[in-house]
């Protein structure tokens, strides 16, 4: 009977307060994992195909903590930009399920990073339709998980993909990106505000 009440409470709480999930399941981080993405550019009249792009998950040990970032080259030097190539534009790690983040731009910055400047962007349990905020200088970002969708990539359907909308506000402009995650895989699709579309090669 207690088990039944617990299940009913869980179902009701999800209904009342919104669906919850663990981002770590949808955005896993593991050193050495390489993904290849089809890249195209959506214009007002057409979709222009570009060369494929690689996303390699890498990590560095900083003050005893394994910090992750993404690179598009297997071997790169310290002047590599790590802030814009892949979601989530910087360096990050999980701490008891919390997604801890810093908007670092360069690989050499990461080597000398102060972990006190990292902050929790997403808690260990995130809520659908809840807005999470982050500010980096004059840029103000809002992250909102919108729910789950089925998407099609090269005629292959991926069900139950977690959709995230990112709104970047500047003093003179606003930019909107949309990212889709697949459980146990990570980012499978990313439509940037520039019209650049990245879709995972499965």
N, C-alpha and C. Protein backbone atom coordinates (compact mmCIF):
# COMPACT_ATOMS: atom_id res chain seq x y z
N UNK A 1 0.82 -1.21 0.00
CA UNK A 1 0.00 0.00 0.00
C UNK A 1 0.86 1.27 0.00
N UNK A 2 1.96 1.26 0.81
CA UNK A 2 2.85 2.41 0.85
C UNK A 2 3.50 2.65 -0.51
N UNK A 3 3.83 1.55 -1.20
CA UNK A 3 4.44 1.68 -2.53
C UNK A 3 3.45 2.32 -3.49
N UNK A 4 2.19 1.93 -3.41
CA UNK A 4 1.15 2.50 -4.28
C UNK A 4 1.01 3.99 -4.05
N UNK A 5 0.98 4.40 -2.76
CA UNK A 5 0.87 5.82 -2.44
C UNK A 5 2.08 6.60 -2.94
N UNK A 6 3.26 5.98 -2.84
CA UNK A 6 4.48 6.64 -3.31
C UNK A 6 4.43 6.86 -4.81
N UNK A 7 3.97 5.86 -5.56
CA UNK A 7 3.86 5.99 -7.01
C UNK A 7 2.84 7.04 -7.38
N UNK A 8 1.72 7.06 -6.67
CA UNK A 8 0.68 8.06 -6.95
C UNK A 8 1.21 9.46 -6.67
N UNK A 9 1.96 9.60 -5.57
CA UNK A 9 2.53 10.92 -5.24
C UNK A 9 3.49 11.37 -6.31
N UNK A 10 4.33 10.44 -6.81
CA UNK A 10 5.29 10.79 -7.85
C UNK A 10 4.59 11.23 -9.12
N UNK A 11 3.57 10.49 -9.53
CA UNK A 11 2.83 10.85 -10.74
C UNK A 11 2.14 12.19 -10.57
N UNK A 12 1.54 12.41 -9.41
CA UNK A 12 0.82 13.66 -9.18
C UNK A 12 1.78 14.85 -9.11
N UNK A 13 2.93 14.65 -8.46
CA UNK A 13 3.89 15.75 -8.35
C UNK A 13 4.43 16.13 -9.70
N UNK A 14 4.68 15.16 -10.59
CA UNK A 14 5.13 15.47 -11.94
C UNK A 14 4.06 16.22 -12.70
N UNK A 15 2.81 15.88 -12.48
CA UNK A 15 1.71 16.55 -13.17
C UNK A 15 1.55 17.98 -12.66
N UNK A 16 1.65 18.14 -11.32
CA UNK A 16 1.41 19.45 -10.74
C UNK A 16 2.58 20.39 -10.95
N UNK A 17 3.79 19.87 -10.72
CA UNK A 17 4.97 20.73 -10.73
C UNK A 17 5.75 20.67 -12.03
N UNK A 18 5.33 19.83 -12.95
CA UNK A 18 6.03 19.72 -14.21
C UNK A 18 6.97 18.53 -14.22
N UNK A 19 7.23 18.02 -15.41
CA UNK A 19 8.09 16.84 -15.53
C UNK A 19 9.52 17.17 -15.18
N UNK A 20 10.21 16.23 -14.54
CA UNK A 20 11.60 16.44 -14.15
C UNK A 20 12.48 15.37 -14.78
N UNK A 21 13.77 15.66 -14.87
CA UNK A 21 14.70 14.70 -15.46
C UNK A 21 16.12 15.04 -15.02
N UNK A 22 17.02 14.11 -15.26
CA UNK A 22 18.44 14.31 -14.98
C UNK A 22 19.15 14.64 -16.27
N UNK A 23 19.77 15.83 -16.35
CA UNK A 23 20.47 16.22 -17.57
C UNK A 23 21.65 15.30 -17.84
N UNK A 24 22.24 14.75 -16.81
CA UNK A 24 23.41 13.88 -16.96
C UNK A 24 23.09 12.67 -17.84
N UNK A 25 21.82 12.25 -17.86
CA UNK A 25 21.41 11.13 -18.70
C UNK A 25 21.32 11.54 -20.17
N UNK A 26 21.05 12.82 -20.41
CA UNK A 26 20.85 13.29 -21.77
C UNK A 26 22.07 14.03 -22.33
N UNK A 27 22.99 14.37 -21.45
CA UNK A 27 24.22 15.04 -21.88
C UNK A 27 25.40 14.41 -21.14
N UNK A 28 25.67 13.13 -21.42
CA UNK A 28 26.77 12.45 -20.73
C UNK A 28 28.13 12.98 -21.19
N UNK A 29 29.07 13.01 -20.28
CA UNK A 29 30.43 13.48 -20.58
C UNK A 29 31.42 12.35 -20.36
N UNK A 30 32.17 12.02 -21.41
CA UNK A 30 33.18 10.96 -21.31
C UNK A 30 34.35 11.30 -22.21
N UNK A 31 35.51 11.37 -21.62
CA UNK A 31 36.71 11.73 -22.35
C UNK A 31 36.96 10.77 -23.51
N UNK A 32 37.23 11.34 -24.70
CA UNK A 32 37.59 10.55 -25.86
C UNK A 32 36.44 10.21 -26.79
N UNK A 33 35.22 10.50 -26.39
CA UNK A 33 34.06 10.19 -27.26
C UNK A 33 33.99 11.20 -28.40
N UNK A 34 33.95 10.68 -29.62
CA UNK A 34 33.91 11.52 -30.82
C UNK A 34 32.57 11.36 -31.52
N UNK A 35 31.98 12.48 -31.89
CA UNK A 35 30.74 12.47 -32.67
C UNK A 35 30.98 13.28 -33.95
N UNK A 36 30.35 12.84 -35.03
CA UNK A 36 30.43 13.54 -36.30
C UNK A 36 29.05 14.11 -36.61
N UNK A 37 29.02 15.35 -37.07
CA UNK A 37 27.76 16.03 -37.37
C UNK A 37 27.71 16.46 -38.83
N UNK A 38 26.54 16.23 -39.45
CA UNK A 38 26.28 16.85 -40.74
C UNK A 38 26.06 18.34 -40.50
N UNK A 39 26.66 19.18 -41.31
CA UNK A 39 26.52 20.63 -41.14
C UNK A 39 25.88 21.24 -42.38
N UNK A 40 24.87 22.03 -42.16
CA UNK A 40 24.24 22.77 -43.25
C UNK A 40 23.89 24.16 -42.75
N UNK A 41 23.55 25.03 -43.68
CA UNK A 41 23.20 26.41 -43.33
C UNK A 41 21.84 26.72 -43.93
N UNK A 42 20.90 27.02 -43.06
CA UNK A 42 19.55 27.32 -43.51
C UNK A 42 19.46 28.80 -43.85
N UNK A 43 19.10 29.09 -45.09
CA UNK A 43 18.92 30.47 -45.52
C UNK A 43 17.44 30.71 -45.76
N UNK A 44 17.11 31.90 -46.22
CA UNK A 44 15.69 32.21 -46.47
C UNK A 44 15.14 31.40 -47.64
N UNK A 45 16.00 30.94 -48.52
CA UNK A 45 15.51 30.26 -49.72
C UNK A 45 15.97 28.82 -49.86
N UNK A 46 16.99 28.41 -49.08
CA UNK A 46 17.56 27.08 -49.32
C UNK A 46 18.33 26.61 -48.09
N UNK A 47 18.70 25.33 -48.12
CA UNK A 47 19.58 24.76 -47.10
C UNK A 47 20.87 24.35 -47.79
N UNK A 48 21.96 25.00 -47.43
CA UNK A 48 23.23 24.77 -48.09
C UNK A 48 24.07 23.79 -47.28
N UNK A 49 24.48 22.70 -47.93
CA UNK A 49 25.28 21.69 -47.25
C UNK A 49 26.72 22.14 -47.10
N UNK A 50 27.31 21.90 -45.94
CA UNK A 50 28.70 22.22 -45.68
C UNK A 50 29.42 20.92 -45.34
N UNK A 51 30.73 20.99 -45.11
CA UNK A 51 31.47 19.79 -44.75
C UNK A 51 31.06 19.33 -43.35
N UNK A 52 31.22 18.02 -43.10
CA UNK A 52 30.91 17.48 -41.78
C UNK A 52 31.85 18.05 -40.73
N UNK A 53 31.39 18.04 -39.49
CA UNK A 53 32.17 18.59 -38.39
C UNK A 53 32.28 17.54 -37.29
N UNK A 54 33.42 17.51 -36.62
CA UNK A 54 33.63 16.57 -35.53
C UNK A 54 33.53 17.27 -34.18
N UNK A 55 33.05 16.55 -33.19
CA UNK A 55 32.99 17.06 -31.82
C UNK A 55 33.60 16.00 -30.92
N UNK A 56 34.75 16.33 -30.33
CA UNK A 56 35.48 15.38 -29.50
C UNK A 56 35.41 15.84 -28.05
N UNK A 57 34.88 14.98 -27.21
CA UNK A 57 34.82 15.30 -25.79
C UNK A 57 36.19 15.05 -25.17
N UNK A 58 36.75 16.08 -24.54
CA UNK A 58 38.06 15.97 -23.91
C UNK A 58 37.95 16.44 -22.45
N UNK A 59 38.98 16.12 -21.70
CA UNK A 59 38.99 16.56 -20.31
C UNK A 59 40.40 16.90 -19.86
N UNK A 60 40.47 17.75 -18.86
CA UNK A 60 41.72 18.11 -18.21
C UNK A 60 41.53 18.00 -16.70
N UNK A 61 42.57 17.59 -16.02
CA UNK A 61 42.52 17.53 -14.57
C UNK A 61 42.97 18.89 -14.03
N UNK A 62 42.04 19.60 -13.41
CA UNK A 62 42.31 20.93 -12.88
C UNK A 62 42.10 20.91 -11.37
N UNK A 63 43.20 21.04 -10.65
CA UNK A 63 43.13 21.04 -9.18
C UNK A 63 42.36 19.83 -8.65
N UNK A 64 42.63 18.68 -9.26
CA UNK A 64 42.03 17.43 -8.81
C UNK A 64 40.65 17.15 -9.35
N UNK A 65 40.11 18.04 -10.15
CA UNK A 65 38.76 17.86 -10.71
C UNK A 65 38.85 17.66 -12.22
N UNK A 66 38.16 16.64 -12.74
CA UNK A 66 38.16 16.40 -14.18
C UNK A 66 37.15 17.35 -14.84
N UNK A 67 37.67 18.26 -15.65
CA UNK A 67 36.85 19.26 -16.33
C UNK A 67 36.75 18.90 -17.80
N UNK A 68 35.55 18.96 -18.36
CA UNK A 68 35.30 18.56 -19.73
C UNK A 68 35.11 19.77 -20.65
N UNK A 69 35.46 19.58 -21.91
CA UNK A 69 35.22 20.57 -22.95
C UNK A 69 35.17 19.83 -24.28
N UNK A 70 34.80 20.54 -25.34
CA UNK A 70 34.72 19.92 -26.66
C UNK A 70 35.70 20.58 -27.62
N UNK A 71 36.25 19.76 -28.50
CA UNK A 71 37.24 20.22 -29.47
C UNK A 71 36.88 19.57 -30.80
N UNK A 72 37.23 20.22 -31.91
CA UNK A 72 36.96 19.61 -33.21
C UNK A 72 38.21 19.02 -33.84
N UNK A 73 39.33 19.07 -33.10
CA UNK A 73 40.58 18.49 -33.57
C UNK A 73 41.10 17.49 -32.55
N UNK A 74 41.62 16.36 -33.04
CA UNK A 74 42.14 15.35 -32.14
C UNK A 74 43.36 15.87 -31.38
N UNK A 75 44.23 16.57 -32.09
CA UNK A 75 45.41 17.17 -31.47
C UNK A 75 45.36 18.69 -31.68
N UNK A 76 45.27 19.43 -30.61
CA UNK A 76 45.17 20.89 -30.71
C UNK A 76 46.04 21.52 -29.64
N UNK A 77 46.42 22.79 -29.86
CA UNK A 77 47.28 23.47 -28.90
C UNK A 77 46.46 24.30 -27.92
N UNK A 78 47.15 25.03 -27.08
CA UNK A 78 46.48 25.77 -26.01
C UNK A 78 45.69 26.97 -26.51
N UNK A 79 45.90 27.37 -27.77
CA UNK A 79 45.16 28.52 -28.30
C UNK A 79 43.83 28.10 -28.93
N UNK A 80 43.44 26.86 -28.74
CA UNK A 80 42.17 26.37 -29.27
C UNK A 80 41.00 27.06 -28.57
N UNK A 81 40.04 27.50 -29.37
CA UNK A 81 38.81 28.08 -28.81
C UNK A 81 37.89 26.95 -28.37
N UNK A 82 37.45 26.98 -27.11
CA UNK A 82 36.56 25.93 -26.62
C UNK A 82 35.17 26.47 -26.26
N UNK A 83 34.93 27.73 -26.60
CA UNK A 83 33.69 28.36 -26.13
C UNK A 83 32.54 28.29 -27.12
N UNK A 84 32.81 28.06 -28.40
CA UNK A 84 31.71 28.19 -29.37
C UNK A 84 31.53 26.98 -30.27
N UNK A 85 32.41 25.99 -30.17
CA UNK A 85 32.35 24.87 -31.11
C UNK A 85 31.18 23.94 -30.81
N UNK A 86 30.89 23.71 -29.55
CA UNK A 86 29.87 22.74 -29.16
C UNK A 86 29.09 23.26 -27.96
N UNK A 87 27.92 22.69 -27.74
CA UNK A 87 27.16 22.97 -26.53
C UNK A 87 28.02 22.53 -25.34
N UNK A 88 28.18 23.27 -24.30
CA UNK A 88 27.44 24.43 -23.87
C UNK A 88 28.32 25.68 -23.85
N UNK A 89 29.23 25.80 -24.80
CA UNK A 89 30.06 27.00 -24.96
C UNK A 89 30.93 27.29 -23.74
N UNK A 90 31.86 26.38 -23.44
CA UNK A 90 32.75 26.61 -22.32
C UNK A 90 33.31 25.31 -21.78
N UNK A 91 33.50 25.25 -20.48
CA UNK A 91 34.01 24.05 -19.81
C UNK A 91 33.07 23.70 -18.66
N UNK A 92 32.99 22.42 -18.31
CA UNK A 92 31.95 21.99 -17.37
C UNK A 92 32.28 20.63 -16.77
N UNK A 93 31.54 20.29 -15.74
CA UNK A 93 31.62 18.97 -15.12
C UNK A 93 30.34 18.75 -14.31
N UNK A 94 30.11 17.50 -13.92
CA UNK A 94 28.97 17.18 -13.05
C UNK A 94 29.47 17.00 -11.62
N UNK A 95 28.75 17.58 -10.71
CA UNK A 95 29.03 17.43 -9.29
C UNK A 95 27.75 16.96 -8.60
N UNK A 96 27.70 15.66 -8.28
CA UNK A 96 26.50 15.05 -7.70
C UNK A 96 25.28 15.30 -8.58
N UNK A 97 25.49 15.28 -9.89
CA UNK A 97 24.40 15.47 -10.85
C UNK A 97 24.18 16.91 -11.26
N UNK A 98 24.73 17.86 -10.49
CA UNK A 98 24.61 19.27 -10.87
C UNK A 98 25.56 19.57 -12.03
N UNK A 99 25.08 20.32 -13.01
CA UNK A 99 25.89 20.70 -14.16
C UNK A 99 26.60 22.00 -13.83
N UNK A 100 27.92 21.91 -13.60
CA UNK A 100 28.71 23.06 -13.17
C UNK A 100 29.50 23.58 -14.37
N UNK A 101 29.51 24.90 -14.56
CA UNK A 101 29.90 25.49 -15.84
C UNK A 101 30.72 26.76 -15.66
N UNK A 102 31.62 26.99 -16.63
CA UNK A 102 32.31 28.27 -16.73
C UNK A 102 32.45 28.63 -18.20
N UNK A 103 32.18 29.89 -18.54
CA UNK A 103 32.20 30.33 -19.94
C UNK A 103 33.63 30.69 -20.36
N UNK A 104 34.53 29.72 -20.28
CA UNK A 104 35.90 29.95 -20.71
C UNK A 104 35.98 29.96 -22.23
N UNK A 105 36.89 30.77 -22.76
CA UNK A 105 37.01 30.89 -24.22
C UNK A 105 38.14 30.05 -24.80
N UNK A 106 39.25 29.93 -24.08
CA UNK A 106 40.45 29.32 -24.63
C UNK A 106 40.91 28.15 -23.78
N UNK A 107 41.56 27.22 -24.45
CA UNK A 107 42.05 26.04 -23.75
C UNK A 107 43.09 26.41 -22.69
N UNK A 108 43.95 27.39 -22.97
CA UNK A 108 44.96 27.76 -21.98
C UNK A 108 44.33 28.36 -20.72
N UNK A 109 43.14 28.95 -20.85
CA UNK A 109 42.44 29.47 -19.68
C UNK A 109 42.01 28.34 -18.76
N UNK A 110 41.64 27.22 -19.38
CA UNK A 110 41.17 26.08 -18.60
C UNK A 110 42.28 25.51 -17.74
N UNK A 111 43.50 25.47 -18.29
CA UNK A 111 44.62 24.90 -17.55
C UNK A 111 44.91 25.66 -16.26
N UNK A 112 44.63 26.94 -16.27
CA UNK A 112 44.89 27.77 -15.09
C UNK A 112 43.60 28.21 -14.41
N UNK A 113 42.53 27.48 -14.66
CA UNK A 113 41.20 27.90 -14.19
C UNK A 113 41.10 27.85 -12.66
N UNK A 114 40.36 28.80 -12.14
CA UNK A 114 40.01 28.82 -10.72
C UNK A 114 38.62 28.20 -10.59
N UNK A 115 38.52 27.07 -9.91
CA UNK A 115 37.24 26.36 -9.82
C UNK A 115 36.18 27.19 -9.09
N UNK A 116 36.61 28.21 -8.35
CA UNK A 116 35.64 29.07 -7.67
C UNK A 116 34.81 29.88 -8.66
N UNK A 117 35.32 30.02 -9.89
CA UNK A 117 34.57 30.77 -10.91
C UNK A 117 33.60 29.90 -11.69
N UNK A 118 33.60 28.61 -11.41
CA UNK A 118 32.58 27.73 -11.99
C UNK A 118 31.32 27.83 -11.15
N UNK A 119 30.17 27.76 -11.80
CA UNK A 119 28.91 27.84 -11.07
C UNK A 119 27.90 26.86 -11.62
N UNK A 120 26.96 26.49 -10.80
CA UNK A 120 25.93 25.53 -11.21
C UNK A 120 24.97 26.20 -12.19
N UNK A 121 24.92 25.66 -13.40
CA UNK A 121 23.98 26.17 -14.40
C UNK A 121 22.65 25.43 -14.31
N UNK A 122 22.73 24.10 -14.15
CA UNK A 122 21.52 23.28 -14.02
C UNK A 122 21.65 22.41 -12.77
N UNK A 123 20.60 22.29 -11.97
CA UNK A 123 20.64 21.41 -10.80
C UNK A 123 20.61 19.94 -11.23
N UNK A 124 20.80 19.05 -10.26
CA UNK A 124 20.84 17.62 -10.59
C UNK A 124 19.52 17.13 -11.17
N UNK A 125 18.43 17.77 -10.81
CA UNK A 125 17.13 17.46 -11.41
C UNK A 125 16.59 18.74 -12.04
N UNK A 126 16.39 18.73 -13.36
CA UNK A 126 15.86 19.92 -14.05
C UNK A 126 14.38 19.73 -14.33
N UNK A 127 13.70 20.84 -14.44
CA UNK A 127 12.26 20.83 -14.67
C UNK A 127 11.93 21.32 -16.07
N UNK A 128 10.99 20.65 -16.70
CA UNK A 128 10.48 21.10 -17.99
C UNK A 128 9.75 22.42 -17.80
N UNK A 129 9.99 23.35 -18.72
CA UNK A 129 9.34 24.66 -18.74
C UNK A 129 9.82 25.61 -17.64
N UNK A 130 10.91 25.25 -16.97
CA UNK A 130 11.53 26.16 -16.01
C UNK A 130 12.68 26.89 -16.69
N UNK A 131 12.81 28.18 -16.44
CA UNK A 131 13.86 28.98 -17.06
C UNK A 131 15.08 29.03 -16.13
N UNK A 132 16.23 28.66 -16.69
CA UNK A 132 17.50 28.74 -15.97
C UNK A 132 18.32 29.87 -16.58
N UNK A 133 18.93 30.70 -15.74
CA UNK A 133 19.57 31.92 -16.23
C UNK A 133 21.07 31.90 -15.97
N UNK A 134 21.78 32.59 -16.86
CA UNK A 134 23.23 32.74 -16.72
C UNK A 134 23.62 34.06 -17.36
N UNK A 135 24.57 34.77 -16.73
CA UNK A 135 25.04 36.04 -17.30
C UNK A 135 26.55 36.00 -17.44
N UNK A 136 27.03 36.39 -18.62
CA UNK A 136 28.46 36.47 -18.91
C UNK A 136 28.73 37.86 -19.47
N UNK A 137 29.15 38.76 -18.60
CA UNK A 137 29.36 40.14 -19.03
C UNK A 137 28.03 40.78 -19.42
N UNK A 138 27.96 41.30 -20.62
CA UNK A 138 26.74 41.96 -21.08
C UNK A 138 25.73 40.96 -21.64
N UNK A 139 26.16 39.72 -21.86
CA UNK A 139 25.25 38.72 -22.40
C UNK A 139 24.45 38.06 -21.27
N UNK A 140 23.14 37.99 -21.47
CA UNK A 140 22.25 37.31 -20.53
C UNK A 140 21.60 36.14 -21.25
N UNK A 141 21.82 34.94 -20.73
CA UNK A 141 21.25 33.75 -21.36
C UNK A 141 20.12 33.17 -20.52
N UNK A 142 19.12 32.66 -21.23
CA UNK A 142 18.02 31.94 -20.59
C UNK A 142 17.90 30.58 -21.25
N UNK A 143 17.87 29.54 -20.43
CA UNK A 143 17.75 28.17 -20.92
C UNK A 143 16.40 27.61 -20.48
N UNK A 144 15.70 27.01 -21.41
CA UNK A 144 14.39 26.44 -21.07
C UNK A 144 14.22 25.10 -21.77
N UNK A 145 14.04 24.04 -20.98
CA UNK A 145 13.76 22.72 -21.53
C UNK A 145 12.27 22.66 -21.85
N UNK A 146 11.98 22.39 -23.11
CA UNK A 146 10.59 22.49 -23.59
C UNK A 146 9.81 21.19 -23.56
N UNK A 147 10.49 20.07 -23.37
CA UNK A 147 9.81 18.78 -23.40
C UNK A 147 10.49 17.85 -24.39
N UNK A 148 9.73 16.88 -24.89
CA UNK A 148 10.31 15.85 -25.75
C UNK A 148 9.66 15.87 -27.13
N UNK A 149 10.48 15.61 -28.15
CA UNK A 149 10.00 15.59 -29.53
C UNK A 149 10.66 14.43 -30.28
N UNK A 150 10.02 14.03 -31.36
CA UNK A 150 10.63 13.11 -32.32
C UNK A 150 11.23 13.95 -33.44
N UNK A 151 12.46 13.65 -33.81
CA UNK A 151 13.11 14.38 -34.89
C UNK A 151 13.59 13.40 -35.94
N UNK A 152 13.78 13.90 -37.15
CA UNK A 152 14.24 13.07 -38.26
C UNK A 152 15.57 13.60 -38.77
N UNK A 153 16.56 12.69 -38.86
CA UNK A 153 17.87 13.04 -39.39
C UNK A 153 18.22 12.05 -40.50
N UNK A 154 18.32 12.56 -41.72
CA UNK A 154 18.64 11.71 -42.87
C UNK A 154 17.68 10.51 -42.95
N UNK A 155 16.39 10.79 -42.78
CA UNK A 155 15.32 9.79 -42.86
C UNK A 155 15.34 8.79 -41.71
N UNK A 156 16.11 9.05 -40.68
CA UNK A 156 16.10 8.21 -39.49
C UNK A 156 15.42 8.97 -38.35
N UNK A 157 14.40 8.35 -37.75
CA UNK A 157 13.62 9.01 -36.71
C UNK A 157 14.20 8.70 -35.33
N UNK A 158 14.40 9.76 -34.56
CA UNK A 158 14.83 9.63 -33.18
C UNK A 158 13.70 10.10 -32.27
N UNK A 159 13.17 9.19 -31.48
CA UNK A 159 12.04 9.52 -30.61
C UNK A 159 12.53 10.01 -29.25
N UNK A 160 11.65 10.73 -28.58
CA UNK A 160 11.88 11.18 -27.20
C UNK A 160 13.18 11.98 -27.05
N UNK A 161 13.38 12.93 -27.93
CA UNK A 161 14.53 13.81 -27.83
C UNK A 161 14.18 15.02 -26.96
N UNK A 162 15.03 15.31 -26.03
CA UNK A 162 14.82 16.45 -25.13
C UNK A 162 15.16 17.75 -25.86
N UNK A 163 14.23 18.68 -25.86
CA UNK A 163 14.40 19.95 -26.58
C UNK A 163 14.74 21.06 -25.60
N UNK A 164 15.75 21.84 -25.95
CA UNK A 164 16.18 22.97 -25.14
C UNK A 164 16.24 24.23 -26.00
N UNK A 165 15.66 25.31 -25.51
CA UNK A 165 15.74 26.61 -26.17
C UNK A 165 16.68 27.51 -25.38
N UNK A 166 17.61 28.14 -26.10
CA UNK A 166 18.57 29.05 -25.47
C UNK A 166 18.36 30.45 -26.05
N UNK A 167 18.06 31.40 -25.19
CA UNK A 167 17.86 32.78 -25.62
C UNK A 167 19.01 33.63 -25.07
N UNK A 168 19.77 34.23 -25.98
CA UNK A 168 20.89 35.09 -25.59
C UNK A 168 20.51 36.54 -25.85
N UNK A 169 20.44 37.30 -24.79
CA UNK A 169 20.07 38.72 -24.88
C UNK A 169 21.29 39.61 -24.72
N UNK A 170 21.47 40.49 -25.70
CA UNK A 170 22.48 41.53 -25.64
C UNK A 170 21.75 42.87 -25.63
N UNK A 171 22.48 43.94 -25.44
CA UNK A 171 21.85 45.26 -25.41
C UNK A 171 21.18 45.60 -26.73
N UNK A 172 21.76 45.13 -27.83
CA UNK A 172 21.26 45.53 -29.14
C UNK A 172 20.64 44.39 -29.95
N UNK A 173 20.66 43.17 -29.43
CA UNK A 173 20.15 42.06 -30.23
C UNK A 173 19.78 40.88 -29.34
N UNK A 174 19.00 39.98 -29.94
CA UNK A 174 18.62 38.73 -29.27
C UNK A 174 18.85 37.57 -30.23
N UNK A 175 19.42 36.48 -29.70
CA UNK A 175 19.72 35.31 -30.52
C UNK A 175 19.09 34.08 -29.87
N UNK A 176 18.51 33.21 -30.71
CA UNK A 176 17.83 32.02 -30.19
C UNK A 176 18.40 30.77 -30.85
N UNK A 177 18.87 29.85 -30.02
CA UNK A 177 19.35 28.55 -30.46
C UNK A 177 18.40 27.47 -29.95
N UNK A 178 18.33 26.36 -30.67
CA UNK A 178 17.55 25.21 -30.23
C UNK A 178 18.41 23.97 -30.30
N UNK A 179 18.43 23.21 -29.21
CA UNK A 179 19.26 22.01 -29.12
C UNK A 179 18.37 20.83 -28.75
N UNK A 180 18.65 19.68 -29.37
CA UNK A 180 17.94 18.45 -29.05
C UNK A 180 18.94 17.42 -28.52
N UNK A 181 18.57 16.73 -27.45
CA UNK A 181 19.42 15.70 -26.84
C UNK A 181 18.71 14.35 -26.90
N UNK A 182 19.50 13.30 -27.08
CA UNK A 182 18.98 11.94 -27.01
C UNK A 182 19.60 11.26 -25.80
N UNK A 183 18.78 10.58 -25.03
CA UNK A 183 19.25 9.92 -23.82
C UNK A 183 20.41 8.99 -24.11
N UNK A 184 21.45 9.08 -23.29
CA UNK A 184 22.66 8.25 -23.36
C UNK A 184 23.55 8.60 -24.56
N UNK A 185 23.15 9.56 -25.39
CA UNK A 185 23.97 9.97 -26.54
C UNK A 185 24.49 11.39 -26.36
N UNK A 186 23.60 12.30 -26.04
CA UNK A 186 23.96 13.71 -25.93
C UNK A 186 23.29 14.53 -27.02
N UNK A 187 23.97 15.57 -27.46
CA UNK A 187 23.42 16.45 -28.49
C UNK A 187 23.30 15.69 -29.81
N UNK A 188 22.11 15.72 -30.41
CA UNK A 188 21.91 15.07 -31.71
C UNK A 188 21.54 16.09 -32.79
N UNK A 189 21.11 17.27 -32.35
CA UNK A 189 20.74 18.31 -33.32
C UNK A 189 20.87 19.66 -32.65
N UNK A 190 21.39 20.62 -33.42
CA UNK A 190 21.58 21.97 -32.89
C UNK A 190 21.31 22.96 -34.02
N UNK A 191 20.28 23.75 -33.88
CA UNK A 191 19.96 24.82 -34.82
C UNK A 191 20.38 26.13 -34.19
N UNK A 192 21.43 26.74 -34.74
CA UNK A 192 21.95 27.98 -34.16
C UNK A 192 21.21 29.19 -34.72
N UNK A 193 21.33 30.29 -34.02
CA UNK A 193 20.65 31.52 -34.44
C UNK A 193 21.17 32.01 -35.78
N UNK A 194 22.38 31.61 -36.15
CA UNK A 194 22.97 32.02 -37.42
C UNK A 194 22.40 31.27 -38.62
N UNK A 195 21.60 30.21 -38.34
CA UNK A 195 21.09 29.37 -39.42
C UNK A 195 21.92 28.11 -39.61
N UNK A 196 23.01 28.00 -38.89
CA UNK A 196 23.85 26.80 -38.95
C UNK A 196 23.12 25.63 -38.28
N UNK A 197 22.99 24.53 -39.00
CA UNK A 197 22.29 23.35 -38.49
C UNK A 197 23.28 22.19 -38.40
N UNK A 198 23.37 21.60 -37.22
CA UNK A 198 24.24 20.45 -37.01
C UNK A 198 23.37 19.25 -36.61
N UNK A 199 23.52 18.13 -37.32
CA UNK A 199 22.74 16.92 -37.05
C UNK A 199 23.71 15.74 -36.97
N UNK A 200 23.57 14.94 -35.94
CA UNK A 200 24.50 13.88 -35.68
C UNK A 200 24.48 12.81 -36.77
N UNK A 201 25.65 12.29 -37.07
CA UNK A 201 25.79 11.19 -38.01
C UNK A 201 25.75 9.89 -37.23
N UNK A 202 24.69 9.12 -37.40
CA UNK A 202 24.51 7.88 -36.63
C UNK A 202 25.00 6.66 -37.39
